[in-house]
Protein backbone atom coordinates (compact mmCIF):
# COMPACT_ATOMS: atom_id res chain seq x y z
CA MET A 1 -21.58 33.85 -10.00
CA PHE A 2 -19.28 33.73 -6.98
CA LYS A 3 -15.59 33.79 -7.88
CA ARG A 4 -12.86 32.22 -5.79
CA GLY A 5 -10.94 34.89 -3.93
CA ALA A 6 -13.95 37.24 -3.83
CA ARG A 7 -14.60 38.83 -0.45
CA VAL A 8 -17.72 38.13 1.57
CA PRO A 9 -19.36 40.73 3.85
CA GLN A 10 -17.68 41.11 7.25
CA THR A 11 -20.31 40.42 9.92
CA VAL A 12 -18.32 39.88 13.12
CA ALA A 13 -16.80 42.53 15.36
CA PRO A 14 -12.99 42.33 15.73
CA GLY A 15 -11.99 40.03 18.60
CA ALA A 16 -15.38 38.34 18.87
CA VAL A 17 -15.68 34.54 18.80
CA VAL A 18 -16.83 33.46 15.33
CA THR A 19 -19.74 31.02 15.27
CA LEU A 20 -21.21 28.81 12.60
CA ARG A 21 -24.16 31.24 12.37
CA ASP A 22 -21.73 34.11 11.69
CA VAL A 23 -20.26 32.15 8.76
CA ALA A 24 -23.76 31.39 7.44
CA ARG A 25 -24.73 35.06 7.63
CA ALA A 26 -21.55 36.14 5.85
CA ALA A 27 -22.01 33.57 3.08
CA GLY A 28 -25.72 34.30 2.71
CA THR A 29 -26.85 30.78 3.53
CA THR A 30 -28.06 28.59 6.40
CA PRO A 31 -26.08 27.07 9.29
CA MET A 32 -26.96 23.62 7.94
CA THR A 33 -25.30 24.42 4.62
CA VAL A 34 -22.19 25.64 6.44
CA SER A 35 -22.17 22.42 8.46
CA ASN A 36 -22.37 20.37 5.26
CA VAL A 37 -19.40 22.25 3.81
CA ILE A 38 -17.29 21.93 6.96
CA ASN A 39 -18.00 18.20 7.11
CA GLY A 40 -17.12 17.70 3.45
CA ARG A 41 -20.59 16.74 2.20
CA LYS A 42 -20.00 18.06 -1.33
CA GLY A 43 -22.96 16.22 -2.79
CA GLN A 44 -25.36 18.28 -0.68
CA VAL A 45 -24.00 21.72 -1.58
CA GLY A 46 -23.56 23.37 -5.00
CA SER A 47 -20.00 24.16 -6.07
CA GLU A 48 -20.57 27.93 -6.02
CA MET A 49 -22.02 27.91 -2.50
CA PHE A 50 -19.32 25.48 -1.35
CA ALA A 51 -16.65 27.97 -2.47
CA ARG A 52 -18.55 30.87 -0.91
CA VAL A 53 -18.74 29.16 2.48
CA LEU A 54 -15.05 28.25 2.40
CA ALA A 55 -14.21 31.88 1.59
CA ALA A 56 -16.33 33.07 4.53
CA CYS A 57 -14.62 30.58 6.87
CA GLU A 58 -11.20 31.79 5.72
CA GLN A 59 -12.04 35.48 5.93
CA LEU A 60 -13.65 35.20 9.38
CA ASP A 61 -10.94 32.77 10.57
CA TYR A 62 -13.65 30.36 11.68
CA ARG A 63 -12.39 27.31 13.55
CA PRO A 64 -14.98 24.74 14.65
CA ASN A 65 -14.92 23.97 18.35
CA ALA A 66 -14.01 20.30 18.56
CA ASN A 67 -15.29 19.90 22.13
CA ALA A 68 -18.62 21.48 21.29
CA ARG A 69 -18.96 19.30 18.21
CA HIS A 70 -18.20 16.22 20.29
CA LEU A 71 -20.95 17.09 22.76
CA ARG A 72 -23.40 17.83 19.97
CA THR A 73 -22.70 14.87 17.67
CA ASN A 74 -20.96 12.39 19.98
CA ARG A 75 -18.06 12.34 17.52
CA ARG A 76 -14.39 12.98 18.16
CA MET A 77 -13.74 13.87 14.49
CA THR A 78 -10.70 11.59 14.60
CA VAL A 79 -9.91 8.39 12.72
CA GLY A 80 -7.44 6.01 14.30
CA VAL A 81 -4.86 4.43 11.98
CA ILE A 82 -2.97 1.44 13.36
CA ILE A 83 -0.02 0.02 11.43
CA VAL A 84 1.45 -3.18 12.84
CA ASP A 85 4.99 -3.27 11.49
CA PRO A 86 8.12 -4.39 13.36
CA SER A 87 10.20 -1.70 11.66
CA ALA A 88 10.59 1.59 13.50
CA HIS A 89 10.91 3.21 10.06
CA TYR A 90 7.52 2.04 8.79
CA LEU A 91 6.63 5.52 7.52
CA SER A 92 9.52 5.34 5.04
CA ASP A 93 7.82 2.43 3.29
CA PRO A 94 6.48 3.86 0.00
CA PHE A 95 3.28 1.78 0.08
CA THR A 96 2.44 2.92 3.61
CA ALA A 97 3.25 6.55 2.82
CA ALA A 98 1.09 6.58 -0.33
CA MET A 99 -1.81 4.87 1.42
CA LEU A 100 -1.70 7.36 4.31
CA ALA A 101 -1.58 10.29 1.88
CA GLY A 102 -4.76 9.10 0.17
CA LEU A 103 -6.47 8.49 3.50
CA ASN A 104 -5.56 11.93 4.79
CA ASP A 105 -6.64 13.72 1.60
CA VAL A 106 -10.23 12.53 1.99
CA LEU A 107 -10.48 12.76 5.77
CA GLN A 108 -9.16 16.30 6.11
CA VAL A 109 -11.73 17.62 3.64
CA ALA A 110 -14.41 16.06 5.82
CA GLY A 111 -12.99 17.76 8.91
CA TYR A 112 -11.39 14.65 10.44
CA SER A 113 -7.93 14.29 11.91
CA ILE A 114 -5.80 11.13 11.90
CA ALA A 115 -4.42 9.57 15.07
CA LEU A 116 -1.57 7.46 13.65
CA GLN A 117 0.03 4.79 15.79
CA GLY A 118 2.57 2.18 14.72
CA ALA A 119 3.56 -0.85 16.74
CA SER A 120 5.24 -4.23 16.62
CA LEU A 121 3.18 -7.29 17.54
CA SER A 122 4.69 -7.35 21.01
CA GLY A 123 3.83 -3.70 21.63
CA LEU A 124 0.29 -3.79 20.25
CA SER A 125 -1.49 -4.07 23.61
CA THR A 126 0.12 -0.85 24.87
CA LEU A 127 -1.20 1.36 22.06
CA PRO A 128 -3.28 4.26 23.42
CA LEU A 129 -5.92 3.63 20.73
CA LEU A 130 -6.46 0.15 22.19
CA ARG A 131 -6.48 1.30 25.80
CA ARG A 132 -8.95 4.15 25.52
CA ILE A 133 -11.46 5.34 22.96
CA GLU A 134 -9.94 8.29 21.08
CA SER A 135 -11.44 7.91 17.62
CA ASP A 136 -14.68 7.41 15.69
CA GLY A 137 -13.35 4.52 13.60
CA ILE A 138 -10.21 2.53 12.91
CA CYS A 139 -8.18 1.78 9.77
CA LEU A 140 -5.85 -1.17 10.26
CA LEU A 141 -2.84 -2.43 8.28
CA THR A 142 -1.24 -5.41 9.99
CA SER A 143 1.58 -7.92 9.55
CA GLY A 144 2.55 -11.28 10.98
CA PRO A 145 1.64 -14.92 10.28
CA PRO A 146 -2.02 -15.44 9.28
CA ALA A 147 -3.13 -16.67 12.71
CA GLN A 148 -1.46 -13.72 14.41
CA ARG A 149 -3.04 -11.26 11.96
CA ARG A 150 -6.50 -12.68 12.68
CA LYS A 151 -5.84 -12.29 16.39
CA THR A 152 -4.80 -8.66 15.86
CA ILE A 153 -7.86 -7.92 13.73
CA THR A 154 -10.16 -9.43 16.37
CA GLN A 155 -8.41 -7.45 19.10
CA VAL A 156 -8.90 -4.16 17.27
CA ALA A 157 -12.51 -4.98 16.35
CA ALA A 158 -13.25 -5.61 20.04
CA LEU A 159 -13.02 -1.83 20.59
CA GLY A 160 -16.52 -1.64 19.13
CA GLN A 161 -15.60 0.98 16.54
CA PRO A 162 -16.17 0.70 12.78
CA LEU A 163 -13.17 -1.02 11.24
CA VAL A 164 -11.62 -0.72 7.79
CA LEU A 165 -9.07 -3.46 7.18
CA ILE A 166 -6.49 -2.61 4.51
CA GLN A 167 -4.71 -5.32 2.49
CA ASP A 168 -6.13 -8.29 4.40
CA GLU A 169 -9.28 -10.40 4.54
CA LEU A 170 -11.94 -9.47 7.10
CA PRO A 171 -13.12 -12.44 9.23
CA ASP A 172 -16.82 -13.24 8.86
CA SER A 173 -17.25 -12.89 12.63
CA ILE A 174 -16.62 -9.12 12.46
CA VAL A 175 -19.89 -7.42 11.57
CA ASP A 176 -19.09 -3.69 11.70
CA GLY A 177 -16.24 -3.61 9.24
CA CYS A 178 -15.06 -3.85 5.65
CA SER A 179 -11.84 -4.85 3.91
CA LEU A 180 -10.08 -3.29 0.96
CA THR A 181 -7.28 -5.02 -0.93
CA GLN A 182 -5.42 -4.70 -4.21
CA ASP A 183 -5.13 -7.62 -6.63
CA ASP A 184 -1.70 -8.83 -5.52
CA ALA A 185 -2.43 -12.41 -6.61
CA GLY A 186 -3.40 -11.24 -10.08
CA GLY A 187 -0.26 -9.14 -10.31
CA GLY A 188 1.91 -12.07 -9.26
CA ALA A 189 0.24 -14.29 -11.87
CA GLU A 190 0.83 -11.72 -14.64
CA ILE A 191 4.51 -11.52 -13.73
CA ALA A 192 4.79 -15.32 -13.81
CA HIS A 193 3.02 -15.63 -17.18
CA HIS A 194 5.38 -12.99 -18.56
CA LEU A 195 8.56 -14.62 -17.23
CA PHE A 196 7.78 -18.31 -17.73
CA GLN A 197 6.59 -18.11 -21.31
CA ARG A 198 10.29 -18.63 -22.15
CA VAL A 199 12.46 -21.49 -20.95
CA CYS A 200 13.46 -21.03 -17.33
CA LYS A 201 15.23 -23.59 -15.14
CA HIS A 202 15.83 -21.62 -11.96
CA ALA A 203 13.63 -18.87 -10.47
CA VAL A 204 13.95 -16.94 -7.22
CA MET A 205 11.35 -14.83 -5.41
CA LEU A 206 12.52 -12.29 -2.85
CA LEU A 207 10.22 -11.68 0.13
CA PRO A 208 10.65 -9.98 3.52
CA SER A 209 11.08 -12.14 6.60
CA VAL A 210 7.97 -10.60 8.15
CA SER A 211 4.72 -12.03 6.77
CA TRP A 212 2.34 -9.63 5.03
CA ALA A 213 -0.95 -10.71 3.45
CA ALA A 214 -0.06 -8.84 0.24
CA MET A 215 3.25 -10.69 -0.13
CA GLU A 216 1.53 -14.01 0.51
CA ARG A 217 -0.93 -13.26 -2.29
CA ARG A 218 1.89 -12.28 -4.69
CA GLU A 219 3.65 -15.57 -4.02
CA ALA A 220 0.36 -17.45 -4.46
CA GLY A 221 -0.16 -15.73 -7.81
CA VAL A 222 3.26 -16.88 -9.04
CA ARG A 223 2.67 -20.44 -7.80
CA SER A 224 -0.72 -20.56 -9.53
CA VAL A 225 1.14 -20.29 -12.84
CA LEU A 226 3.94 -22.71 -11.89
CA GLU A 227 1.73 -25.54 -10.64
CA PRO A 228 0.10 -26.55 -13.96
CA MET A 229 3.39 -26.33 -15.91
CA ALA A 230 4.64 -29.63 -17.30
CA GLN A 231 8.26 -28.79 -16.48
CA PRO A 232 8.29 -25.95 -13.95
CA PRO A 233 11.61 -24.35 -12.99
CA ALA A 234 13.20 -24.89 -9.62
CA PHE A 235 11.49 -22.20 -7.53
CA HIS A 236 13.09 -20.75 -4.40
CA VAL A 237 11.57 -18.22 -1.99
CA LEU A 238 14.26 -16.17 -0.24
CA ARG A 239 13.45 -14.39 3.03
CA CYS A 240 15.35 -11.11 2.95
CA GLY A 241 15.27 -9.83 6.53
CA ASP A 242 13.82 -6.33 6.76
CA GLU A 243 13.65 -6.22 2.92
CA GLY A 244 16.26 -3.45 2.95
CA PHE A 245 19.18 -3.21 0.53
CA ASP A 246 21.79 -4.96 2.70
CA ASP A 247 19.52 -7.78 3.92
CA THR A 248 18.28 -8.47 0.39
CA GLN A 249 21.77 -8.61 -1.10
CA ALA A 250 23.01 -10.84 1.73
CA ALA A 251 20.19 -13.36 1.22
CA PHE A 252 20.56 -13.31 -2.57
CA SER A 253 24.34 -13.65 -2.42
CA LEU A 254 24.07 -16.70 -0.18
CA HIS A 255 21.56 -18.26 -2.56
CA ILE A 256 23.89 -17.76 -5.54
CA GLU A 257 26.76 -19.40 -3.65
CA ARG A 258 24.61 -22.44 -2.92
CA HIS A 259 22.54 -22.80 -6.09
CA GLY A 260 24.15 -20.66 -8.78
CA VAL A 261 22.78 -17.65 -10.64
CA PRO A 262 19.04 -17.92 -11.41
CA ASP A 263 17.41 -17.27 -14.77
CA VAL A 264 14.70 -15.15 -13.16
CA VAL A 265 14.43 -12.95 -10.06
CA ILE A 266 10.97 -11.89 -8.87
CA GLY A 267 11.11 -9.06 -6.33
CA GLY A 268 8.29 -8.94 -3.80
CA ASN A 269 8.66 -5.19 -4.21
CA ASP A 270 10.73 -2.86 -6.34
CA ARG A 271 13.33 -2.15 -3.68
CA MET A 272 14.28 -5.81 -3.30
CA ALA A 273 14.34 -6.26 -7.07
CA ILE A 274 16.72 -3.32 -7.55
CA ALA A 275 18.99 -4.55 -4.72
CA ALA A 276 19.23 -7.87 -6.59
CA MET A 277 19.95 -6.08 -9.88
CA LYS A 278 22.79 -4.17 -8.23
CA LEU A 279 24.32 -7.38 -6.91
CA LEU A 280 24.05 -9.07 -10.30
CA GLY A 281 25.74 -6.08 -11.95
CA ALA A 282 28.56 -6.12 -9.42
CA ARG A 283 29.15 -9.77 -10.30
CA GLY A 284 29.27 -9.10 -14.02
CA ARG A 285 25.80 -10.45 -14.81
CA ARG A 286 23.67 -8.54 -17.31
CA VAL A 287 19.97 -7.77 -16.90
CA PRO A 288 18.01 -8.98 -18.84
CA LEU A 289 20.59 -10.78 -21.04
CA ASP A 290 21.74 -13.13 -18.26
CA VAL A 291 18.96 -12.74 -15.68
CA ARG A 292 15.46 -11.32 -16.06
CA VAL A 293 14.21 -9.28 -13.08
CA THR A 294 10.81 -7.94 -12.00
CA GLY A 295 9.54 -5.89 -9.06
CA PHE A 296 6.19 -4.89 -7.62
CA ASN A 297 4.43 -1.64 -6.55
CA GLY A 298 5.72 0.84 -9.14
CA PHE A 299 6.51 3.76 -6.78
CA ASP A 300 8.84 5.59 -9.16
CA PHE A 301 11.83 3.39 -8.20
CA TRP A 302 11.51 1.54 -11.50
CA ARG A 303 12.51 4.74 -13.35
CA TYR A 304 15.87 4.89 -11.58
CA ALA A 305 16.85 1.29 -12.27
CA SER A 306 19.08 0.54 -15.25
CA PRO A 307 17.59 -1.04 -17.25
CA GLU A 308 14.12 0.19 -16.30
CA LEU A 309 12.42 -2.26 -13.97
CA THR A 310 9.42 -4.36 -14.94
CA THR A 311 6.87 -3.84 -12.18
CA VAL A 312 3.21 -3.88 -11.18
CA PHE A 313 1.65 -0.53 -10.37
CA SER A 314 -0.11 -0.46 -7.02
CA PRO A 315 -3.19 1.73 -6.33
CA ALA A 316 -1.89 2.48 -2.82
CA PHE A 317 -3.08 6.11 -2.81
CA GLN A 318 -6.52 4.99 -3.99
CA LEU A 319 -6.60 2.32 -1.26
CA GLY A 320 -6.26 5.14 1.27
CA GLU A 321 -8.90 7.28 -0.43
CA GLU A 322 -11.45 4.48 -0.70
CA SER A 323 -10.83 3.38 2.89
CA ALA A 324 -11.58 6.90 4.10
CA ARG A 325 -14.71 7.18 1.95
CA ALA A 326 -16.02 3.85 3.21
CA LEU A 327 -15.49 4.85 6.84
CA LEU A 328 -17.11 8.27 6.33
CA ARG A 329 -20.13 6.60 4.72
CA ARG A 330 -20.40 4.28 7.72
CA LEU A 331 -20.26 7.23 10.13
CA GLU A 332 -22.92 9.14 8.17
CA ASP A 333 -25.33 6.36 7.19
CA GLY A 334 -24.69 3.72 9.82
CA ARG A 335 -23.39 1.10 7.38
CA PHE A 336 -20.45 0.48 5.08
CA PRO A 337 -21.06 0.81 1.32
CA TRP A 338 -19.52 -2.63 0.72
CA ARG A 339 -18.15 -5.57 2.70
CA ARG A 340 -15.11 -6.45 0.61
CA ARG A 341 -13.56 -4.64 -2.32
CA LEU A 342 -10.66 -5.49 -4.63
CA LEU A 343 -8.80 -2.80 -6.57
CA PRO A 344 -7.00 -3.72 -9.81
CA VAL A 345 -3.26 -3.45 -10.35
CA VAL A 346 -1.48 -2.70 -13.63
CA PHE A 347 1.33 -4.88 -14.98
CA ALA A 348 4.04 -2.79 -16.64
CA PRO A 349 6.70 -4.79 -18.53
CA LYS A 350 9.94 -2.83 -18.99
CA ALA A 351 13.47 -3.57 -20.16
CA SER A 352 14.62 -5.55 -17.09
CA SER A 353 12.60 -8.60 -18.16
CA ALA A 354 12.61 -8.18 -21.93
CA PRO A 355 13.16 -11.50 -23.74
CA VAL A 356 16.58 -11.54 -25.40
CA PRO A 357 17.49 -13.87 -28.29
CA GLN A 358 20.42 -16.08 -27.28
CA THR A 359 23.25 -17.42 -29.39
CA LYS A 360 24.66 -20.89 -28.78
CA ALA A 361 27.75 -19.37 -27.14
CA HIS A 362 25.65 -17.25 -24.83
CA ARG A 363 23.45 -20.21 -23.87
CA LEU A 364 26.59 -22.17 -22.97
CA LYS A 365 27.92 -19.31 -20.84
CA SER A 366 24.57 -19.00 -19.06
CA GLU A 367 24.52 -22.73 -18.29
CA MET A 368 28.09 -22.51 -16.96
CA ASP A 369 27.24 -19.55 -14.77
CA ARG A 370 24.26 -21.33 -13.27
CA THR A 371 26.05 -24.63 -12.62
CA PRO A 372 28.08 -24.69 -9.39
CA ASN A 373 29.13 -28.36 -9.86
CA ALA A 374 32.60 -28.60 -11.49
CA ALA A 375 31.99 -31.99 -13.14
CA THR A 376 28.81 -30.78 -14.77
CA ARG A 377 30.62 -27.68 -16.05
CA ARG A 378 33.28 -29.86 -17.72
CA HIS A 379 30.51 -31.94 -19.34
CA LEU A 380 28.92 -28.80 -20.80
CA LEU A 381 32.26 -27.73 -22.28
CA LYS A 382 32.68 -31.12 -24.01
CA GLU A 383 29.26 -30.67 -25.64
């Protein structure tokens, strides 16, 4: 039984160039087995031999020659990742960061590098990945209105490389591709069922100004619950600029001045939800006693909110992993393992949306807070 950390026989003279055959000889196996290990084909190599080959590679300091591999296999061993996001700080987005981490975890084991390029819609045509072939396949995460997203997807697919589309629907016209999404609509519907099972007269949903397919699906999920209601609440969608703290609070503050304090705030993500909670607290409103608040994505932010934020946990890391696996299967077998795939989300109700029994005095105060009209406020006091 080979143990991790055990030494393998040294078979190469000091200073000599180490080859794949040298690694095979040191590990006591064949060059094909070494190739399978280097390319991450775990299913074709036993765990003991896999560890033995990795130990031989490490001890001999074996580094595969990328140029030679390219000539031999016609592969660049690189996956292009294009993120169309107007923000220059797109890597600070927790969903994007988690998705990229999952993607990289799988690809690096298989010996692939990532060529990551971010762009706004206006700068898309200048991306090096679109001007020259530098990768074996493309993973794409894009933003913009639906028609613009379809145009972007078609533009990237025209490169003739296998395409994995993340968090959007793949057009039927694109043959060599697959799409992977999470159940944003289902998550939005669960939030709505949770919030609207109690009386609600005024609800607000916070969304970024830039259109994302995932945000559209979350809004659609909420609306799917509102539409059949006999007496649905007034429902407002607020566009919150770059979805940052300041833009979100500015949009929410303006809404309160015009329409009063809502009963419910639905954050398109956790960051916007927490920005709204902070503004409510600064104005003396209590969550959830006065206003119930929810978020979306569940990237640890919910733990730092007070009270803890109701959210929906996103499988962003798994989205990256499964995207990489699908692309690797396409590169190995010539076809994707599936055309479209939907990953589940997990609704996690916390204290920020907990139903709170209300006294008559508290109900009166809540009505007063939410009523900007002075005459109506006087009428409530007479009652």
